[in-house]
Every structure is written in structure tokens, then in C-alpha cells.
Amino acid sequence: AVAGAGPGIGMDSCVVPLRHGGLSLVQTTDFFYPLVEDPYMMGRIACANVLSDLYAMGITECDNMLMLLSVSQKMSEEEREKIMPLMVRGFRDAAEQGGTSVTGGHTVINPWLIIGGVATSVCQPNEFIIDSEHFVSVDDILFLFQPEKWNKIKLVVSKEDVELAYQEAMFSMAMLNRTAARLMHTFNAHAATDITGFGILGHAQNLAKQQRSEVSFVIHNLPIIAKMAAVSKASGCFGLLQGTSAETSGGLLICLPREQAARFCAEIKSPKYGEGHQAWIIGIVEKGNQTARIIDKPRIIEVMPRGATLHQDNSNTSPEPAL
């Protein structure tokens, strides 16, 4: 995402005041290399991630989407004819689910296969949430996806566990954050960002830096797909427990008033939204100097993959020691 005349650099979308009627143009762009085996799902994931930057600002209506597509010159003609239409269809289907459509874009041929897009919304001031108008306050609640290495990993996880985790990650990445964006208005969210390439800690730090008040974010709980914390420890990779693991199309990190937090968690899981949304209270806002940190021994919330059976504690409670 790029910065514009509204939020500063590091925010999810640019906000550009228009010449007419007190409206603003909100726009974001992003692109991705393939990260799942299913071309259709890759298209959906790419679209979901582009739209997520709008949703992180509480914007639920996207007026237009463009698709950015790079076709690899290393692909055979048969591969191109099978793979590219599936990616395009996945992107378009996700856009339709988000209440918008793809009206154009740009396609090039180069060594890399890339898919991404541009999302645009024309908004009135009450349609988006940024820190210049909704201040994060102390006591707000923070919310929230090689053979030698396998020899270490297989000691703590089975191939079936890995397959279930992969399917859960793919499902999660393809899910739109639109419902969460709607509920940000219902429950008076103060600020938000989506979790992508800098990991949960990196984006929390970025959001904290944007605040005008003397606050800091403290993360006590880390929701992680079941058994993947053990995989991260065994492999020594990803920085998952340190909050630096890069994500694509992750969830929204939202700052809510304390009295609204549990209600938000309960509402987003309501069957009326029908997509398996989940939310967790992961930390608090306290007085500080625009920083974010994870406590030394955060509580790991093991998120059960669909189809798995695992005893876990999914209680949406705030971290008592920090209150």
C-alpha cells in the first residue's frame, strides 16, 4: 500500500481528498507470487489481500478493481492455457464476493508468474476509520494466518497434520475481511491494519507509530494454526513466535474499546456470516511511546484446522496480568 494526503507512510491505503463534495479517493495496490498449488485459490488469495487494505480502514464497499497479471515466459503454452484462466477466475470470483468487479488491468510476460491488483473506493468521511479521527486509547483491546528440516519437523508433527494446516492456511488466506470491516463500525473501532508481509509484530509496530496519543501495544496471545508453533520451534524458521513471520492475506489487527471486545468476538462468529470467521483478544493498549511488543512468554492459542480434532482453549478472554 502507498501513502497519500491522509494517513502517513506505512498505512494500508492512500487517502486523497477529491475536489468535489467532501469525498476522498481511497486506493491500494499489491501483487504476489504463487504460494499455493491451486491456481484458482491463488487468484482468490491475491484478490482478498488487495481488498484487505480497504477493509483495514473500515471500508466495506470497493468501487472498482484492476487486475495486474504477469505471465511467466518459462511456462509452456499448455500450462498457460490451463493455469492463467483459473487464476483470473479466482480473482474475479473473490471480487464478486466482495461486492465489486474487475473492470481492467494490465498483463505482461516476464520470467515470473505474478498476480495482484488495484482496489479503489470513493468515500465520505464516515466510511473509513483512521487514527486522525478515531484515537487509540490506553486500555483499548488489540485483536487479531527441505529434507533435513523435515527430519526435525516430523518429530513433532505428522504429514496429516501438515496437510490439514496447509488447507487451513489456504482457506484463511482466501477469506475476505469484509465482515470484520463492517463490524469495526458497529463496535466503534479506533484503528486497524491488516497483517501481511511484516508479520503481526511488524504491523502492530507500524500502527502504533501512526498514533497521535502516547500509547503502546502489548501482545499477550498469539493465535497460531494447531501444531505450527511446534514446527516453528523445531525448524528454527519463520519467526512465528516472535511475531515476524510474513503473511499473505492475513486477518485484521483491530483496536477496540475494552467494553466492546468480547462482543466483537462473539458477533463475528455468528452463523449469520456463514464463513467460519474467528477473532481473538490478543493484547492491550497501554500508556507508552508509539511502540509494540510481544511479552516474553505469550500464550499460544492453537487454532484447530477444519476437519481436525484437537483439544484447545479458544476462550476470548483478555490477559489478566496486564490489566
C-alpha atoms as a PDB file:
ATOM      1  CA  ALA A   1       0.000   0.000   0.000  1.00  0.00           C
ATOM      2  CA  VAL A   2       1.091   3.566  -0.554  1.00  0.00           C
ATOM      3  CA  ALA A   3       0.607   6.749   1.383  1.00  0.00           C
ATOM      4  CA  GLY A   4      -1.235   9.845   0.261  1.00  0.00           C
ATOM      5  CA  ALA A   5      -2.647  13.047   1.590  1.00  0.00           C
ATOM      6  CA  GLY A   6      -4.412  11.436   4.554  1.00  0.00           C
ATOM      7  CA  PRO A   7      -2.578   8.790   6.575  1.00  0.00           C
ATOM      8  CA  GLY A   8       1.201   8.834   6.582  1.00  0.00           C
ATOM      9  CA  ILE A   9       3.584   6.295   5.074  1.00  0.00           C
ATOM     10  CA  GLY A  10       3.007   2.819   6.414  1.00  0.00           C
ATOM     11  CA  MET A  11      -0.777   2.916   6.499  1.00  0.00           C
ATOM     12  CA  ASP A  12      -2.772   0.407   4.498  1.00  0.00           C
ATOM     13  CA  SER A  13      -4.164   2.656   1.753  1.00  0.00           C
ATOM     14  CA  CYS A  14      -3.708   6.147   0.419  1.00  0.00           C
ATOM     15  CA  VAL A  15      -6.478   8.647   1.168  1.00  0.00           C
ATOM     16  CA  VAL A  16      -6.651  11.512  -1.329  1.00  0.00           C
ATOM     17  CA  PRO A  17      -9.227  14.301  -0.800  1.00  0.00           C
ATOM     18  CA  LEU A  18     -11.115  14.978  -4.028  1.00  0.00           C
ATOM     19  CA  ARG A  19     -12.046  18.387  -5.407  1.00  0.00           C
ATOM     20  CA  HIS A  20     -15.779  17.801  -5.146  1.00  0.00           C
ATOM     21  CA  GLY A  21     -18.259  17.262  -2.343  1.00  0.00           C
ATOM     22  CA  GLY A  22     -16.015  16.377   0.591  1.00  0.00           C
ATOM     23  CA  LEU A  23     -15.227  12.955  -0.873  1.00  0.00           C
ATOM     24  CA  SER A  24     -11.927  11.085  -0.677  1.00  0.00           C
ATOM     25  CA  LEU A  25     -10.326   8.590  -3.039  1.00  0.00           C
ATOM     26  CA  VAL A  26      -9.016   5.573  -1.119  1.00  0.00           C
ATOM     27  CA  GLN A  27      -6.757   3.281  -3.100  1.00  0.00           C
ATOM     28  CA  THR A  28      -4.331   0.410  -2.587  1.00  0.00           C
ATOM     29  CA  THR A  29      -2.284  -1.984  -4.711  1.00  0.00           C
ATOM     30  CA  ASP A  30      -0.427  -5.239  -4.117  1.00  0.00           C
ATOM     31  CA  PHE A  31       0.856  -8.288  -6.014  1.00  0.00           C
ATOM     32  CA  PHE A  32       2.025 -11.814  -5.213  1.00  0.00           C
ATOM     33  CA  TYR A  33       3.994 -14.784  -6.427  1.00  0.00           C
ATOM     34  CA  PRO A  34       2.296 -18.212  -6.303  1.00  0.00           C
ATOM     35  CA  LEU A  35       2.189 -19.642  -2.786  1.00  0.00           C
ATOM     36  CA  VAL A  36      -0.382 -22.428  -3.055  1.00  0.00           C
ATOM     37  CA  GLU A  37      -0.699 -25.274  -5.540  1.00  0.00           C
ATOM     38  CA  ASP A  38      -4.237 -24.439  -6.687  1.00  0.00           C
ATOM     39  CA  PRO A  39      -4.252 -21.644  -9.338  1.00  0.00           C
ATOM     40  CA  TYR A  40      -7.903 -20.795  -8.655  1.00  0.00           C
ATOM     41  CA  MET A  41      -7.268 -20.405  -4.919  1.00  0.00           C
ATOM     42  CA  MET A  42      -4.176 -18.323  -5.661  1.00  0.00           C
ATOM     43  CA  GLY A  43      -6.370 -15.912  -7.606  1.00  0.00           C
ATOM     44  CA  ARG A  44      -8.809 -15.675  -4.707  1.00  0.00           C
ATOM     45  CA  ILE A  45      -6.000 -15.145  -2.198  1.00  0.00           C
ATOM     46  CA  ALA A  46      -4.465 -12.341  -4.270  1.00  0.00           C
ATOM     47  CA  CYS A  47      -7.787 -10.537  -4.567  1.00  0.00           C
ATOM     48  CA  ALA A  48      -8.555 -10.990  -0.867  1.00  0.00           C
ATOM     49  CA  ASN A  49      -5.203  -9.477   0.078  1.00  0.00           C
ATOM     50  CA  VAL A  50      -5.687  -6.437  -2.152  1.00  0.00           C
ATOM     51  CA  LEU A  51      -9.179  -5.791  -0.760  1.00  0.00           C
ATOM     52  CA  SER A  52      -7.921  -6.314   2.792  1.00  0.00           C
ATOM     53  CA  ASP A  53      -6.156  -2.950   2.797  1.00  0.00           C
ATOM     54  CA  LEU A  54      -9.525  -1.241   2.281  1.00  0.00           C
ATOM     55  CA  TYR A  55     -11.179  -3.408   4.921  1.00  0.00           C
ATOM     56  CA  ALA A  56      -8.429  -2.497   7.403  1.00  0.00           C
ATOM     57  CA  MET A  57      -9.719   1.073   7.210  1.00  0.00           C
ATOM     58  CA  GLY A  58     -13.320   0.014   7.799  1.00  0.00           C
ATOM     59  CA  ILE A  59     -14.216   0.446   4.129  1.00  0.00           C
ATOM     60  CA  THR A  60     -16.676  -2.242   3.068  1.00  0.00           C
ATOM     61  CA  GLU A  61     -17.504  -1.081  -0.458  1.00  0.00           C
ATOM     62  CA  CYS A  62     -14.932  -1.242  -3.254  1.00  0.00           C
ATOM     63  CA  ASP A  63     -15.989   0.732  -6.333  1.00  0.00           C
ATOM     64  CA  ASN A  64     -13.506  -0.727  -8.784  1.00  0.00           C
ATOM     65  CA  MET A  65     -10.743  -3.294  -9.112  1.00  0.00           C
ATOM     66  CA  LEU A  66      -7.955  -3.651 -11.636  1.00  0.00           C
ATOM     67  CA  MET A  67      -6.034  -6.892 -12.114  1.00  0.00           C
ATOM     68  CA  LEU A  68      -2.254  -6.983 -12.524  1.00  0.00           C
ATOM     69  CA  LEU A  69      -1.059 -10.178 -14.202  1.00  0.00           C
ATOM     70  CA  SER A  70       2.429 -11.332 -15.138  1.00  0.00           C
ATOM     71  CA  VAL A  71       2.603 -14.493 -17.239  1.00  0.00           C
ATOM     72  CA  SER A  72       5.859 -16.416 -16.949  1.00  0.00           C
ATOM     73  CA  GLN A  73       7.719 -16.885 -20.220  1.00  0.00           C
ATOM     74  CA  LYS A  74       9.040 -20.142 -18.776  1.00  0.00           C
ATOM     75  CA  MET A  75       5.576 -21.686 -18.898  1.00  0.00           C
ATOM     76  CA  SER A  76       4.604 -23.882 -21.832  1.00  0.00           C
ATOM     77  CA  GLU A  77       1.592 -22.917 -23.914  1.00  0.00           C
ATOM     78  CA  GLU A  78      -0.380 -25.765 -22.355  1.00  0.00           C
ATOM     79  CA  GLU A  79       0.495 -24.578 -18.841  1.00  0.00           C
ATOM     80  CA  ARG A  80      -0.537 -21.015 -19.671  1.00  0.00           C
ATOM     81  CA  GLU A  81      -3.863 -22.119 -21.116  1.00  0.00           C
ATOM     82  CA  LYS A  82      -4.722 -24.187 -18.039  1.00  0.00           C
ATOM     83  CA  ILE A  83      -3.291 -22.108 -15.203  1.00  0.00           C
ATOM     84  CA  MET A  84      -3.899 -18.486 -16.112  1.00  0.00           C
ATOM     85  CA  PRO A  85      -7.695 -18.715 -16.689  1.00  0.00           C
ATOM     86  CA  LEU A  86      -8.066 -20.408 -13.307  1.00  0.00           C
ATOM     87  CA  MET A  87      -6.107 -17.658 -11.541  1.00  0.00           C
ATOM     88  CA  VAL A  88      -8.132 -14.968 -13.306  1.00  0.00           C
ATOM     89  CA  ARG A  89     -11.405 -16.707 -12.427  1.00  0.00           C
ATOM     90  CA  GLY A  90     -10.410 -16.998  -8.763  1.00  0.00           C
ATOM     91  CA  PHE A  91      -9.540 -13.293  -8.653  1.00  0.00           C
ATOM     92  CA  ARG A  92     -12.827 -12.310 -10.300  1.00  0.00           C
ATOM     93  CA  ASP A  93     -14.917 -14.593  -8.071  1.00  0.00           C
ATOM     94  CA  ALA A  94     -13.376 -13.111  -4.922  1.00  0.00           C
ATOM     95  CA  ALA A  95     -14.008  -9.609  -6.252  1.00  0.00           C
ATOM     96  CA  GLU A  96     -17.660 -10.507  -6.889  1.00  0.00           C
ATOM     97  CA  GLN A  97     -17.945 -11.890  -3.351  1.00  0.00           C
ATOM     98  CA  GLY A  98     -16.614  -8.541  -2.139  1.00  0.00           C
ATOM     99  CA  GLY A  99     -19.377  -6.713  -3.994  1.00  0.00           C
ATOM    100  CA  THR A 100     -17.180  -5.316  -6.741  1.00  0.00           C
ATOM    101  CA  SER A 101     -15.905  -6.288 -10.184  1.00  0.00           C
ATOM    102  CA  VAL A 102     -12.714  -6.232 -12.221  1.00  0.00           C
ATOM    103  CA  THR A 103     -13.009  -3.659 -14.993  1.00  0.00           C
ATOM    104  CA  GLY A 104      -9.485  -3.684 -16.378  1.00  0.00           C
ATOM    105  CA  GLY A 105      -5.814  -4.005 -15.559  1.00  0.00           C
ATOM    106  CA  HIS A 106      -2.557  -4.892 -17.229  1.00  0.00           C
ATOM    107  CA  THR A 107      -0.899  -8.122 -18.380  1.00  0.00           C
ATOM    108  CA  VAL A 108       2.777  -8.603 -19.194  1.00  0.00           C
ATOM    109  CA  ILE A 109       5.098 -11.512 -19.966  1.00  0.00           C
ATOM    110  CA  ASN A 110       8.317 -11.873 -17.974  1.00  0.00           C
ATOM    111  CA  PRO A 111      10.228 -14.623 -16.103  1.00  0.00           C
ATOM    112  CA  TRP A 112       7.916 -14.537 -13.074  1.00  0.00           C
ATOM    113  CA  LEU A 113       4.306 -15.541 -12.537  1.00  0.00           C
ATOM    114  CA  ILE A 114       2.646 -12.715 -10.584  1.00  0.00           C
ATOM    115  CA  ILE A 115      -0.946 -11.789  -9.791  1.00  0.00           C
ATOM    116  CA  GLY A 116      -2.197  -8.707  -7.987  1.00  0.00           C
ATOM    117  CA  GLY A 117      -4.416  -5.721  -8.383  1.00  0.00           C
ATOM    118  CA  VAL A 118      -5.562  -2.231  -7.502  1.00  0.00           C
ATOM    119  CA  ALA A 119      -8.638  -1.585  -5.343  1.00  0.00           C
ATOM    120  CA  THR A 120     -10.348   1.801  -5.356  1.00  0.00           C
ATOM    121  CA  SER A 121     -13.157   3.283  -3.289  1.00  0.00           C
ATOM    122  CA  VAL A 122     -14.654   6.783  -3.277  1.00  0.00           C
ATOM    123  CA  CYS A 123     -15.706   7.516   0.303  1.00  0.00           C
ATOM    124  CA  GLN A 124     -17.395  10.011   2.528  1.00  0.00           C
ATOM    125  CA  PRO A 125     -15.518  10.749   5.781  1.00  0.00           C
ATOM    126  CA  ASN A 126     -17.756   8.472   7.882  1.00  0.00           C
ATOM    127  CA  GLU A 127     -16.990   5.456   5.691  1.00  0.00           C
ATOM    128  CA  PHE A 128     -13.382   4.963   6.758  1.00  0.00           C
ATOM    129  CA  ILE A 129     -11.553   4.730  10.072  1.00  0.00           C
ATOM    130  CA  ILE A 130      -8.089   6.203  10.504  1.00  0.00           C
ATOM    131  CA  ASP A 131      -6.259   7.325  13.618  1.00  0.00           C
ATOM    132  CA  SER A 132      -6.608  11.024  12.769  1.00  0.00           C
ATOM    133  CA  GLU A 133     -10.330  10.761  13.562  1.00  0.00           C
ATOM    134  CA  HIS A 134     -10.620   7.766  15.931  1.00  0.00           C
ATOM    135  CA  PHE A 135      -7.857   7.894  18.514  1.00  0.00           C
ATOM    136  CA  VAL A 136      -6.451   4.730  20.011  1.00  0.00           C
ATOM    137  CA  SER A 137      -6.727   4.976  23.788  1.00  0.00           C
ATOM    138  CA  VAL A 138      -4.992   3.364  26.736  1.00  0.00           C
ATOM    139  CA  ASP A 139      -6.995   0.249  27.732  1.00  0.00           C
ATOM    140  CA  ASP A 140      -8.119  -0.431  24.167  1.00  0.00           C
ATOM    141  CA  ILE A 141      -8.019  -4.124  23.270  1.00  0.00           C
ATOM    142  CA  LEU A 142      -5.905  -5.483  20.401  1.00  0.00           C
ATOM    143  CA  PHE A 143      -7.308  -8.192  18.065  1.00  0.00           C
ATOM    144  CA  LEU A 144      -6.415 -10.481  15.640  1.00  0.00           C
ATOM    145  CA  PHE A 145      -2.779 -16.929   9.417  1.00  0.00           C
ATOM    146  CA  GLN A 146      13.884 -29.276   2.909  1.00  0.00           C
ATOM    147  CA  PRO A 147      14.610 -32.940   3.822  1.00  0.00           C
ATOM    148  CA  GLU A 148      16.970 -32.151   6.680  1.00  0.00           C
ATOM    149  CA  LYS A 149      14.383 -29.804   8.165  1.00  0.00           C
ATOM    150  CA  TRP A 150      11.651 -32.413   7.735  1.00  0.00           C
ATOM    151  CA  ASN A 151      13.746 -34.814   9.820  1.00  0.00           C
ATOM    152  CA  LYS A 152      13.372 -32.339  12.690  1.00  0.00           C
ATOM    153  CA  ILE A 153       9.763 -31.418  11.971  1.00  0.00           C
ATOM    154  CA  LYS A 154       8.463 -35.000  11.728  1.00  0.00           C
ATOM    155  CA  LEU A 155       9.348 -35.471  15.384  1.00  0.00           C
ATOM    156  CA  VAL A 156       6.640 -33.003  16.401  1.00  0.00           C
ATOM    157  CA  VAL A 157       4.054 -33.246  13.612  1.00  0.00           C
ATOM    158  CA  SER A 158       2.676 -35.804  11.157  1.00  0.00           C
ATOM    159  CA  LYS A 159       2.206 -35.411   7.413  1.00  0.00           C
ATOM    160  CA  GLU A 160      -1.544 -35.397   8.015  1.00  0.00           C
ATOM    161  CA  ASP A 161      -1.121 -32.506  10.468  1.00  0.00           C
ATOM    162  CA  VAL A 162       0.867 -30.585   7.854  1.00  0.00           C
ATOM    163  CA  GLU A 163      -1.764 -31.214   5.178  1.00  0.00           C
ATOM    164  CA  LEU A 164      -4.560 -30.030   7.477  1.00  0.00           C
ATOM    165  CA  ALA A 165      -2.569 -26.926   8.388  1.00  0.00           C
ATOM    166  CA  TYR A 166      -1.908 -26.206   4.704  1.00  0.00           C
ATOM    167  CA  GLN A 167      -5.618 -26.466   3.888  1.00  0.00           C
ATOM    168  CA  GLU A 168      -6.494 -24.211   6.826  1.00  0.00           C
ATOM    169  CA  ALA A 169      -3.903 -21.632   5.773  1.00  0.00           C
ATOM    170  CA  MET A 170      -5.209 -21.641   2.195  1.00  0.00           C
ATOM    171  CA  PHE A 171      -8.819 -21.282   3.368  1.00  0.00           C
ATOM    172  CA  SER A 172      -7.866 -18.456   5.709  1.00  0.00           C
ATOM    173  CA  MET A 173      -5.889 -16.555   3.065  1.00  0.00           C
ATOM    174  CA  ALA A 174      -8.806 -16.749   0.614  1.00  0.00           C
ATOM    175  CA  MET A 175     -11.332 -15.387   3.149  1.00  0.00           C
ATOM    176  CA  LEU A 176     -12.318 -11.748   2.811  1.00  0.00           C
ATOM    177  CA  ASN A 177     -12.009  -9.397   5.794  1.00  0.00           C
ATOM    178  CA  ARG A 178     -15.184  -7.614   4.736  1.00  0.00           C
ATOM    179  CA  THR A 179     -17.280  -8.803   7.697  1.00  0.00           C
ATOM    180  CA  ALA A 180     -14.652  -7.557  10.144  1.00  0.00           C
ATOM    181  CA  ALA A 181     -14.631  -4.209   8.345  1.00  0.00           C
ATOM    182  CA  ARG A 182     -18.397  -3.882   8.776  1.00  0.00           C
ATOM    183  CA  LEU A 183     -18.187  -4.759  12.467  1.00  0.00           C
ATOM    184  CA  MET A 184     -15.463  -2.158  13.008  1.00  0.00           C
ATOM    185  CA  HIS A 185     -18.192   0.462  12.614  1.00  0.00           C
ATOM    186  CA  THR A 186     -20.707  -1.438  14.765  1.00  0.00           C
ATOM    187  CA  PHE A 187     -18.274  -1.750  17.682  1.00  0.00           C
ATOM    188  CA  ASN A 188     -16.583   1.657  17.391  1.00  0.00           C
ATOM    189  CA  ALA A 189     -13.101   0.541  16.352  1.00  0.00           C
ATOM    190  CA  HIS A 190     -10.399   3.160  16.833  1.00  0.00           C
ATOM    191  CA  ALA A 191      -7.818   1.906  14.335  1.00  0.00           C
ATOM    192  CA  ALA A 192      -6.826  -1.213  12.402  1.00  0.00           C
ATOM    193  CA  THR A 193      -4.346  -2.702   9.970  1.00  0.00           C
ATOM    194  CA  ASP A 194      -4.153  -5.968   8.082  1.00  0.00           C
ATOM    195  CA  ILE A 195      -1.391  -8.465   8.862  1.00  0.00           C
ATOM    196  CA  THR A 196       0.777  -9.186   5.820  1.00  0.00           C
ATOM    197  CA  GLY A 197       4.478  -9.126   4.986  1.00  0.00           C
ATOM    198  CA  PHE A 198       5.863  -7.678   8.235  1.00  0.00           C
ATOM    199  CA  GLY A 199       4.114 -10.193  10.494  1.00  0.00           C
ATOM    200  CA  ILE A 200       1.850  -9.413  13.416  1.00  0.00           C
ATOM    201  CA  LEU A 201       4.535  -7.567  15.394  1.00  0.00           C
ATOM    202  CA  GLY A 202       5.792  -5.544  12.439  1.00  0.00           C
ATOM    203  CA  HIS A 203       2.317  -4.324  11.528  1.00  0.00           C
ATOM    204  CA  ALA A 204       1.447  -3.672  15.181  1.00  0.00           C
ATOM    205  CA  GLN A 205       4.576  -1.506  15.438  1.00  0.00           C
ATOM    206  CA  ASN A 206       3.633   0.260  12.238  1.00  0.00           C
ATOM    207  CA  LEU A 207       0.123   1.004  13.521  1.00  0.00           C
ATOM    208  CA  ALA A 208       1.454   2.158  16.899  1.00  0.00           C
ATOM    209  CA  LYS A 209       3.803   4.643  15.209  1.00  0.00           C
ATOM    210  CA  GLN A 210       0.841   6.264  13.472  1.00  0.00           C
ATOM    211  CA  GLN A 211      -0.938   7.123  16.723  1.00  0.00           C
ATOM    212  CA  ARG A 212      -1.041  10.700  17.946  1.00  0.00           C
ATOM    213  CA  SER A 213      -1.506   9.794  21.602  1.00  0.00           C
ATOM    214  CA  GLU A 214       1.154   8.334  23.928  1.00  0.00           C
ATOM    215  CA  VAL A 215       0.252   4.655  23.657  1.00  0.00           C
ATOM    216  CA  SER A 216       1.965   1.318  23.103  1.00  0.00           C
ATOM    217  CA  PHE A 217       0.584  -2.061  22.059  1.00  0.00           C
ATOM    218  CA  VAL A 218       1.352  -5.131  24.168  1.00  0.00           C
ATOM    219  CA  ILE A 219       0.573  -8.554  22.663  1.00  0.00           C
ATOM    220  CA  HIS A 220      -0.077 -11.370  25.156  1.00  0.00           C
ATOM    221  CA  ASN A 221      -1.744 -14.026  22.975  1.00  0.00           C
ATOM    222  CA  LEU A 222      -0.730 -15.476  19.587  1.00  0.00           C
ATOM    223  CA  PRO A 223      -3.400 -17.424  17.640  1.00  0.00           C
ATOM    224  CA  ILE A 224      -1.494 -19.971  15.518  1.00  0.00           C
ATOM    225  CA  ILE A 225      -2.718 -22.869  13.391  1.00  0.00           C
ATOM    226  CA  ALA A 226      -2.553 -26.009  15.528  1.00  0.00           C
ATOM    227  CA  LYS A 227       0.896 -27.586  15.926  1.00  0.00           C
ATOM    228  CA  MET A 228       2.602 -24.962  13.771  1.00  0.00           C
ATOM    229  CA  ALA A 229       4.208 -23.352  16.825  1.00  0.00           C
ATOM    230  CA  ALA A 230       5.970 -26.665  17.446  1.00  0.00           C
ATOM    231  CA  VAL A 231       7.012 -26.795  13.785  1.00  0.00           C
ATOM    232  CA  SER A 232       8.451 -23.292  14.021  1.00  0.00           C
ATOM    233  CA  LYS A 233      10.475 -24.223  17.113  1.00  0.00           C
ATOM    234  CA  ALA A 234      11.737 -27.476  15.559  1.00  0.00           C
ATOM    235  CA  SER A 235      12.732 -25.924  12.238  1.00  0.00           C
ATOM    236  CA  GLY A 236      14.137 -22.686  13.610  1.00  0.00           C
ATOM    237  CA  CYS A 237      12.372 -20.868  10.760  1.00  0.00           C
ATOM    238  CA  PHE A 238       9.655 -18.294  10.190  1.00  0.00           C
ATOM    239  CA  GLY A 239       9.910 -16.214  13.383  1.00  0.00           C
ATOM    240  CA  LEU A 240       6.352 -17.286  14.171  1.00  0.00           C
ATOM    241  CA  LEU A 241       6.610 -16.926  17.946  1.00  0.00           C
ATOM    242  CA  GLN A 242       8.495 -13.649  17.600  1.00  0.00           C
ATOM    243  CA  GLY A 243       5.659 -12.170  15.520  1.00  0.00           C
ATOM    244  CA  THR A 244       7.845 -11.573  12.456  1.00  0.00           C
ATOM    245  CA  SER A 245       6.514 -14.380  10.258  1.00  0.00           C
ATOM    246  CA  ALA A 246       5.364 -12.902   6.949  1.00  0.00           C
ATOM    247  CA  GLU A 247       1.736 -13.495   5.986  1.00  0.00           C
ATOM    248  CA  THR A 248      -0.289 -13.116   2.810  1.00  0.00           C
ATOM    249  CA  SER A 249      -3.910 -12.031   3.196  1.00  0.00           C
ATOM    250  CA  GLY A 250      -3.839 -12.300   6.974  1.00  0.00           C
ATOM    251  CA  GLY A 251      -6.505 -11.063   9.344  1.00  0.00           C
ATOM    252  CA  LEU A 252      -7.148  -7.594  10.713  1.00  0.00           C
ATOM    253  CA  LEU A 253      -5.462  -6.265  13.844  1.00  0.00           C
ATOM    254  CA  ILE A 254      -8.142  -4.014  15.361  1.00  0.00           C
ATOM    255  CA  CYS A 255      -8.076  -1.634  18.324  1.00  0.00           C
ATOM    256  CA  LEU A 256     -11.448  -1.702  20.103  1.00  0.00           C
ATOM    257  CA  PRO A 257     -12.789  -0.125  23.285  1.00  0.00           C
ATOM    258  CA  ARG A 258     -12.429  -2.597  26.162  1.00  0.00           C
ATOM    259  CA  GLU A 259     -16.181  -2.903  26.705  1.00  0.00           C
ATOM    260  CA  GLN A 260     -16.743  -3.888  23.049  1.00  0.00           C
ATOM    261  CA  ALA A 261     -14.030  -6.535  22.679  1.00  0.00           C
ATOM    262  CA  ALA A 262     -15.830  -9.690  23.803  1.00  0.00           C
ATOM    263  CA  ARG A 263     -18.988  -8.665  21.921  1.00  0.00           C
ATOM    264  CA  PHE A 264     -16.978  -8.269  18.717  1.00  0.00           C
ATOM    265  CA  CYS A 265     -15.553 -11.796  19.136  1.00  0.00           C
ATOM    266  CA  ALA A 266     -18.987 -13.284  19.711  1.00  0.00           C
ATOM    267  CA  GLU A 267     -20.645 -11.413  16.854  1.00  0.00           C
ATOM    268  CA  ILE A 268     -18.104 -12.240  14.162  1.00  0.00           C
ATOM    269  CA  LYS A 269     -18.503 -15.979  14.898  1.00  0.00           C
ATOM    270  CA  SER A 270     -22.271 -15.751  14.463  1.00  0.00           C
ATOM    271  CA  PRO A 271     -23.683 -18.295  11.959  1.00  0.00           C
ATOM    272  CA  LYS A 272     -25.362 -15.470  10.042  1.00  0.00           C
ATOM    273  CA  TYR A 273     -21.986 -14.603   8.488  1.00  0.00           C
ATOM    274  CA  GLY A 274     -21.552 -18.227   7.454  1.00  0.00           C
ATOM    275  CA  GLU A 275     -17.838 -18.302   6.645  1.00  0.00           C
ATOM    276  CA  GLY A 276     -16.158 -19.571   9.783  1.00  0.00           C
ATOM    277  CA  HIS A 277     -14.824 -16.200  10.941  1.00  0.00           C
ATOM    278  CA  GLN A 278     -12.926 -16.156  14.232  1.00  0.00           C
ATOM    279  CA  ALA A 279     -11.485 -13.400  16.381  1.00  0.00           C
ATOM    280  CA  TRP A 280      -9.343 -13.349  19.496  1.00  0.00           C
ATOM    281  CA  ILE A 281      -8.392 -10.782  22.085  1.00  0.00           C
ATOM    282  CA  ILE A 282      -4.605 -10.773  21.796  1.00  0.00           C
ATOM    283  CA  GLY A 283      -3.434  -7.837  23.889  1.00  0.00           C
ATOM    284  CA  ILE A 284      -3.986  -4.372  25.273  1.00  0.00           C
ATOM    285  CA  VAL A 285      -3.112  -0.753  24.657  1.00  0.00           C
ATOM    286  CA  GLU A 286      -1.253   0.947  27.470  1.00  0.00           C
ATOM    287  CA  LYS A 287       0.477   4.271  28.007  1.00  0.00           C
ATOM    288  CA  GLY A 288       3.733   4.385  26.047  1.00  0.00           C
ATOM    289  CA  ASN A 289       5.771   5.809  23.211  1.00  0.00           C
ATOM    290  CA  GLN A 290       4.149   4.515  19.987  1.00  0.00           C
ATOM    291  CA  THR A 291       5.787   1.067  20.080  1.00  0.00           C
ATOM    292  CA  ALA A 292       4.541  -2.531  20.078  1.00  0.00           C
ATOM    293  CA  ARG A 293       5.947  -5.660  21.686  1.00  0.00           C
ATOM    294  CA  ILE A 294       5.141  -9.283  22.428  1.00  0.00           C
ATOM    295  CA  ILE A 295       5.590 -10.376  26.051  1.00  0.00           C
ATOM    296  CA  ASP A 296       8.385 -12.854  26.811  1.00  0.00           C
ATOM    297  CA  LYS A 297       6.123 -15.897  27.116  1.00  0.00           C
ATOM    298  CA  PRO A 298       2.980 -15.237  25.093  1.00  0.00           C
ATOM    299  CA  ARG A 299       0.017 -17.604  25.378  1.00  0.00           C
ATOM    300  CA  ILE A 300      -0.272 -19.709  22.221  1.00  0.00           C
ATOM    301  CA  ILE A 301      -3.870 -20.206  21.093  1.00  0.00           C
ATOM    302  CA  GLU A 302      -3.891 -23.319  18.893  1.00  0.00           C
ATOM    303  CA  VAL A 303      -6.390 -22.771  16.076  1.00  0.00           C
ATOM    304  CA  MET A 304      -7.917 -26.062  15.016  1.00  0.00           C
ATOM    305  CA  PRO A 305      -7.858 -26.761  11.250  1.00  0.00           C
ATOM    306  CA  ARG A 306     -11.212 -27.703   9.763  1.00  0.00           C
ATOM    307  CA  GLY A 307     -11.598 -31.467   9.880  1.00  0.00           C
ATOM    308  CA  ALA A 308      -9.110 -31.919  12.742  1.00  0.00           C
ATOM    309  CA  THR A 309      -9.831 -32.983  16.298  1.00  0.00           C
ATOM    310  CA  LEU A 310      -7.793 -31.202  18.917  1.00  0.00           C
ATOM    311  CA  HIS A 311      -8.414 -30.099  22.479  1.00  0.00           C
ATOM    312  CA  GLN A 312      -7.775 -26.373  22.697  1.00  0.00           C
ATOM    313  CA  ASP A 313      -8.669 -23.302  24.718  1.00  0.00           C
ATOM    314  CA  ASN A 314     -10.398 -20.817  22.432  1.00  0.00           C
ATOM    315  CA  SER A 315     -11.667 -18.562  25.201  1.00  0.00           C
ATOM    316  CA  ASN A 316     -11.833 -14.920  24.210  1.00  0.00           C
ATOM    317  CA  THR A 317     -10.503 -13.539  27.474  1.00  0.00           C
ATOM    318  CA  SER A 318      -8.264 -10.560  27.939  1.00  0.00           C
ATOM    319  CA  PRO A 319      -4.801 -11.071  29.521  1.00  0.00           C
ATOM    320  CA  GLU A 320      -5.434 -10.665  33.258  1.00  0.00           C
ATOM    321  CA  PRO A 321      -1.815  -9.943  34.328  1.00  0.00           C
ATOM    322  CA  ALA A 322      -1.721  -6.864  32.128  1.00  0.00           C
ATOM    323  CA  LEU A 323      -4.957  -5.292  33.287  1.00  0.00           C
END
